[in-house]
């Protein structure tokens, strides 16, 4: 009774997939709030509240003098933007609809489209929120200069990509161990409040603190991003290549795991839980 039109060419197939991803992105953005503008406003408020909370904390504790020369709020925002993009990308991918979701019954919908839509939706909201906040801060409060804006935005993309990669690994094992994935996701997101290093100038950290945070790709990304944002800061203790290679490794593992899980996933898995 219902038939799905067969793509006439590879180009036509690409357009069909792009259209599906676009509509899935819109659906994911509107899932949290029916009004897209309000969804953006709520995300901006979350970022602003976090920035102001850390600003007040550092002001009360009189720790601002220990930071690098330059705009202190820009220092805080450079870390918080990366942190929020990373953890929201991870959460969106982990929460993406899996192979046993009812949405997968509608051809040509598949898990890759669902994952792509969740990831792209987060990137769109986070990037738009960042541009709005920086514009308002630059125009309404204090003009500022970013030394290498294109490279700094590349770090935001890398923070997003690393979050997607880790989330894809967790999504692949979620049908097998849903309880563990839920707990691990929460712990990972909370731990990165400190382990991401967004509150520290990495070049000034002692060795024992570096050993605590060095495993985290987000720690390297935030420090490298500040090297692109500030003219007088050069990261010496972090590696951009480490974050890139680790993210690619997690992406490959996650794709292989998702393909394996898709073959065995069943709607009856949750019946015994």
Protein backbone atom coordinates (compact mmCIF):
# COMPACT_ATOMS: atom_id res chain seq x y z
CA UNK A 1 0.00 0.00 0.00
CA UNK A 2 2.80 2.41 0.97
CA UNK A 3 5.85 2.61 -1.22
CA UNK A 4 9.10 4.50 -0.90
CA UNK A 5 10.39 6.00 -4.12
CA UNK A 6 13.72 4.56 -5.15
CA UNK A 7 16.40 7.27 -5.64
CA UNK A 8 17.11 7.82 -9.31
CA UNK A 9 20.81 8.63 -8.78
CA UNK A 10 23.42 9.16 -6.10
CA UNK A 11 22.78 12.91 -6.21
CA UNK A 12 19.05 12.36 -5.73
CA UNK A 13 19.79 10.01 -2.84
CA UNK A 14 22.02 12.64 -1.22
CA UNK A 15 19.26 15.26 -1.52
CA UNK A 16 16.74 12.86 0.04
CA UNK A 17 19.05 12.18 2.99
CA UNK A 18 19.81 15.90 3.41
CA UNK A 19 16.10 16.68 3.45
CA UNK A 20 15.47 13.98 6.06
CA UNK A 21 18.28 15.30 8.23
CA UNK A 22 16.93 18.86 7.91
CA UNK A 23 13.42 17.88 9.02
CA UNK A 24 14.85 15.73 11.83
CA UNK A 25 16.97 18.67 13.03
CA UNK A 26 13.89 20.91 13.11
CA UNK A 27 12.00 18.22 15.00
CA UNK A 28 14.80 17.83 17.57
CA UNK A 29 15.09 21.59 18.13
CA UNK A 30 11.33 21.95 18.62
CA UNK A 31 11.20 18.87 20.85
CA UNK A 32 12.36 20.86 23.88
CA UNK A 33 10.15 23.87 23.13
CA UNK A 34 7.43 24.43 20.55
CA UNK A 35 8.78 27.92 19.83
CA UNK A 36 12.22 27.85 18.19
CA UNK A 37 13.00 31.39 19.42
CA UNK A 38 12.26 30.41 23.00
CA UNK A 39 14.48 27.34 22.64
CA UNK A 40 17.33 29.65 21.62
CA UNK A 41 16.57 32.09 24.45
CA UNK A 42 16.58 29.31 27.04
CA UNK A 43 19.94 28.06 25.78
CA UNK A 44 21.37 31.61 25.91
CA UNK A 45 20.09 32.03 29.46
CA UNK A 46 21.75 28.76 30.50
CA UNK A 47 25.08 29.98 29.14
CA UNK A 48 24.76 33.46 30.65
CA UNK A 49 23.81 32.09 34.08
CA UNK A 50 26.82 29.76 34.07
CA UNK A 51 29.19 32.56 32.98
CA UNK A 52 27.88 34.93 35.65
CA UNK A 53 28.03 32.22 38.33
CA UNK A 54 31.70 31.57 37.67
CA UNK A 55 32.37 35.31 37.38
CA UNK A 56 30.86 35.96 40.81
CA UNK A 57 32.67 32.98 42.31
CA UNK A 58 36.06 34.10 41.02
CA UNK A 59 35.40 37.70 42.07
CA UNK A 60 34.37 36.74 45.61
CA UNK A 61 37.38 34.42 45.99
CA UNK A 62 39.65 37.10 44.48
CA UNK A 63 41.13 34.68 41.94
CA UNK A 64 40.96 36.99 38.93
CA UNK A 65 44.54 38.14 39.39
CA UNK A 66 45.74 34.58 38.80
CA UNK A 67 44.28 34.56 35.29
CA UNK A 68 45.91 35.54 32.05
CA UNK A 69 46.12 39.13 30.87
CA UNK A 70 43.08 40.03 28.84
CA UNK A 71 39.31 40.17 29.14
CA UNK A 72 38.34 38.04 32.14
CA UNK A 73 34.77 37.38 30.95
CA UNK A 74 36.08 36.35 27.54
CA UNK A 75 38.39 33.93 29.35
CA UNK A 76 35.40 32.41 31.15
CA UNK A 77 33.20 32.30 28.06
CA UNK A 78 35.89 30.62 25.95
CA UNK A 79 35.82 27.67 28.34
CA UNK A 80 32.09 27.55 28.99
CA UNK A 81 31.16 27.64 25.29
CA UNK A 82 33.40 24.62 24.62
CA UNK A 83 32.17 22.78 27.70
CA UNK A 84 28.47 23.26 26.96
CA UNK A 85 28.90 22.33 23.30
CA UNK A 86 30.75 19.15 24.24
CA UNK A 87 28.37 17.86 26.89
CA UNK A 88 25.21 18.85 24.99
CA UNK A 89 26.48 17.09 21.85
CA UNK A 90 27.22 13.99 23.92
CA UNK A 91 23.81 14.08 25.60
CA UNK A 92 21.98 14.62 22.31
CA UNK A 93 23.71 11.69 20.60
CA UNK A 94 23.19 9.36 23.56
CA UNK A 95 19.52 10.34 23.60
CA UNK A 96 19.07 9.90 19.84
CA UNK A 97 16.48 7.40 18.65
CA UNK A 98 17.94 3.94 18.27
CA UNK A 99 17.17 1.05 15.93
CA UNK A 100 14.18 -0.13 17.99
CA UNK A 101 12.52 3.29 18.02
CA UNK A 102 9.10 3.55 16.32
CA UNK A 103 10.53 6.27 14.06
CA UNK A 104 12.77 3.66 12.43
CA UNK A 105 9.64 1.97 11.03
CA UNK A 106 9.20 4.85 8.59
CA UNK A 107 11.46 4.32 5.57
CA UNK A 108 13.91 5.72 4.61
CA UNK A 109 14.53 6.83 8.23
CA UNK A 110 17.54 5.18 9.88
CA UNK A 111 19.75 5.58 12.93
CA UNK A 112 22.47 7.53 11.10
CA UNK A 113 19.93 10.21 10.15
CA UNK A 114 18.66 10.31 13.73
CA UNK A 115 22.19 10.66 15.15
CA UNK A 116 23.17 13.29 12.56
CA UNK A 117 20.04 15.33 13.27
CA UNK A 118 20.64 15.27 17.03
CA UNK A 119 24.28 16.33 16.61
CA UNK A 120 23.61 19.06 14.04
CA UNK A 121 20.72 20.45 16.08
CA UNK A 122 23.02 20.93 19.08
CA UNK A 123 25.72 22.57 16.96
CA UNK A 124 23.20 24.97 15.44
CA UNK A 125 21.77 26.06 18.79
CA UNK A 126 25.16 26.35 20.51
CA UNK A 127 26.84 28.27 17.68
CA UNK A 128 23.91 30.66 17.33
CA UNK A 129 23.81 31.23 21.09
CA UNK A 130 27.55 31.92 21.16
CA UNK A 131 27.33 34.48 18.35
CA UNK A 132 24.39 36.27 20.01
CA UNK A 133 26.13 36.43 23.40
CA UNK A 134 29.42 37.65 21.94
CA UNK A 135 27.64 40.24 19.79
CA UNK A 136 25.70 41.63 22.76
CA UNK A 137 28.83 41.66 24.92
CA UNK A 138 30.90 43.38 22.23
CA UNK A 139 28.28 46.01 21.33
CA UNK A 140 26.63 46.59 24.68
CA UNK A 141 29.46 46.21 27.19
CA UNK A 142 33.12 45.97 26.16
CA UNK A 143 34.62 45.78 22.67
CA UNK A 144 37.08 42.90 22.40
CA UNK A 145 39.38 41.32 19.84
CA UNK A 146 39.82 37.63 19.15
CA UNK A 147 43.30 36.97 17.82
CA UNK A 148 42.38 34.12 15.42
CA UNK A 149 38.57 33.84 15.23
CA UNK A 150 38.45 31.15 12.53
CA UNK A 151 40.80 28.86 14.44
CA UNK A 152 38.91 29.57 17.69
CA UNK A 153 35.63 28.57 16.02
CA UNK A 154 37.41 25.45 14.78
CA UNK A 155 38.00 24.53 18.42
CA UNK A 156 34.27 24.85 19.05
CA UNK A 157 33.68 22.43 16.17
CA UNK A 158 36.28 20.07 17.64
CA UNK A 159 34.59 20.24 21.06
CA UNK A 160 31.32 19.36 19.34
CA UNK A 161 32.94 16.58 17.31
CA UNK A 162 34.57 15.03 20.38
CA UNK A 163 31.24 15.09 22.22
CA UNK A 164 29.54 13.40 19.27
CA UNK A 165 32.27 10.73 19.14
CA UNK A 166 32.05 9.87 22.85
CA UNK A 167 28.26 9.95 22.68
CA UNK A 168 28.27 7.56 19.73
CA UNK A 169 30.25 5.00 21.72
CA UNK A 170 27.79 5.28 24.60
CA UNK A 171 24.83 5.05 22.21
CA UNK A 172 26.25 1.81 20.76
CA UNK A 173 26.37 0.13 24.18
CA UNK A 174 23.18 1.73 25.53
CA UNK A 175 20.83 -1.09 24.44
CA UNK A 176 23.09 -3.63 26.16
CA UNK A 177 23.71 -1.69 29.41
CA UNK A 178 21.15 1.15 29.65
CA UNK A 179 21.60 1.68 33.38
CA UNK A 180 25.37 1.95 33.15
CA UNK A 181 25.21 4.37 30.20
CA UNK A 182 22.76 6.63 32.03
CA UNK A 183 24.92 6.78 35.15
CA UNK A 184 28.17 7.18 33.20
CA UNK A 185 26.74 9.99 31.06
CA UNK A 186 25.64 11.93 34.14
CA UNK A 187 28.96 11.39 35.94
CA UNK A 188 30.96 12.35 32.84
CA UNK A 189 29.00 15.57 32.33
CA UNK A 190 29.31 16.55 35.99
CA UNK A 191 33.00 15.62 36.21
CA UNK A 192 33.78 17.85 33.24
CA UNK A 193 32.69 20.86 35.28
CA UNK A 194 36.17 20.55 36.80
CA UNK A 195 38.07 18.12 34.54
CA UNK A 196 37.55 20.26 31.43
CA UNK A 197 39.93 22.84 32.87
CA UNK A 198 37.72 25.76 31.88
CA UNK A 199 38.47 27.51 35.17
CA UNK A 200 42.27 27.18 34.98
CA UNK A 201 45.16 28.62 33.03
CA UNK A 202 46.80 25.35 32.05
CA UNK A 203 50.31 26.79 31.69
CA UNK A 204 50.28 27.70 35.39
CA UNK A 205 49.06 24.31 36.69
CA UNK A 206 51.46 22.08 38.63
CA UNK A 207 52.31 18.62 37.31
CA UNK A 208 50.05 16.69 39.68
CA UNK A 209 47.00 18.66 38.46
CA UNK A 210 47.97 18.16 34.83
CA UNK A 211 48.09 14.41 35.44
CA UNK A 212 44.52 14.56 36.75
CA UNK A 213 43.13 16.31 33.66
CA UNK A 214 45.46 15.27 30.83
CA UNK A 215 43.30 12.30 29.79
CA UNK A 216 40.38 14.57 28.85
CA UNK A 217 40.27 15.74 25.19
CA UNK A 218 38.07 18.69 26.22
CA UNK A 219 40.87 19.85 28.55
CA UNK A 220 43.22 20.06 25.56
CA UNK A 221 40.59 21.71 23.32
CA UNK A 222 39.77 24.51 25.77
CA UNK A 223 43.43 25.34 26.38
CA UNK A 224 44.20 25.35 22.66
CA UNK A 225 41.15 27.54 22.02
CA UNK A 226 42.44 30.13 24.48
CA UNK A 227 45.69 30.19 22.55
CA UNK A 228 43.69 31.30 19.49
CA UNK A 229 41.50 33.75 21.43
CA UNK A 230 44.24 35.64 23.32
CA UNK A 231 47.28 37.19 21.65
CA UNK A 232 49.46 36.84 24.75
CA UNK A 233 48.76 33.18 25.57
CA UNK A 234 50.56 30.22 24.00
CA UNK A 235 49.54 26.69 25.13
CA UNK A 236 52.61 24.66 26.09
CA UNK A 237 51.18 21.71 28.00
CA UNK A 238 48.30 20.51 25.79
CA UNK A 239 48.13 18.89 22.38
CA UNK A 240 45.64 19.59 19.62
CA UNK A 241 46.60 16.36 17.83
CA UNK A 242 45.67 14.28 20.90
CA UNK A 243 42.11 15.64 20.90
CA UNK A 244 41.72 15.12 17.14
CA UNK A 245 43.09 11.56 17.04
CA UNK A 246 41.18 10.47 20.14
CA UNK A 247 37.92 11.87 18.76
CA UNK A 248 38.43 10.09 15.43
CA UNK A 249 39.20 6.84 17.28
CA UNK A 250 36.01 7.11 19.35
CA UNK A 251 34.02 7.93 16.20
CA UNK A 252 35.23 4.79 14.41
CA UNK A 253 34.61 2.60 17.47
CA UNK A 254 31.16 4.13 17.91
CA UNK A 255 30.18 3.57 14.28
CA UNK A 256 31.30 -0.05 14.41
CA UNK A 257 29.48 -0.58 17.70
CA UNK A 258 26.31 1.07 16.42
CA UNK A 259 26.35 -1.13 13.29
CA UNK A 260 26.78 -4.26 15.42
CA UNK A 261 24.06 -3.25 17.87
CA UNK A 262 21.65 -2.39 15.06
CA UNK A 263 21.78 -5.99 13.84
CA UNK A 264 20.63 -7.38 17.20
CA UNK A 265 18.42 -4.60 18.56
CA UNK A 266 14.84 -5.55 19.31
CA UNK A 267 11.81 -3.78 20.74
CA UNK A 268 11.46 -6.64 23.25
CA UNK A 269 14.79 -5.79 24.94
CA UNK A 270 13.11 -3.36 27.32
CA UNK A 271 10.31 -5.77 28.21
CA UNK A 272 12.42 -7.49 30.87
CA UNK A 273 13.68 -4.29 32.43
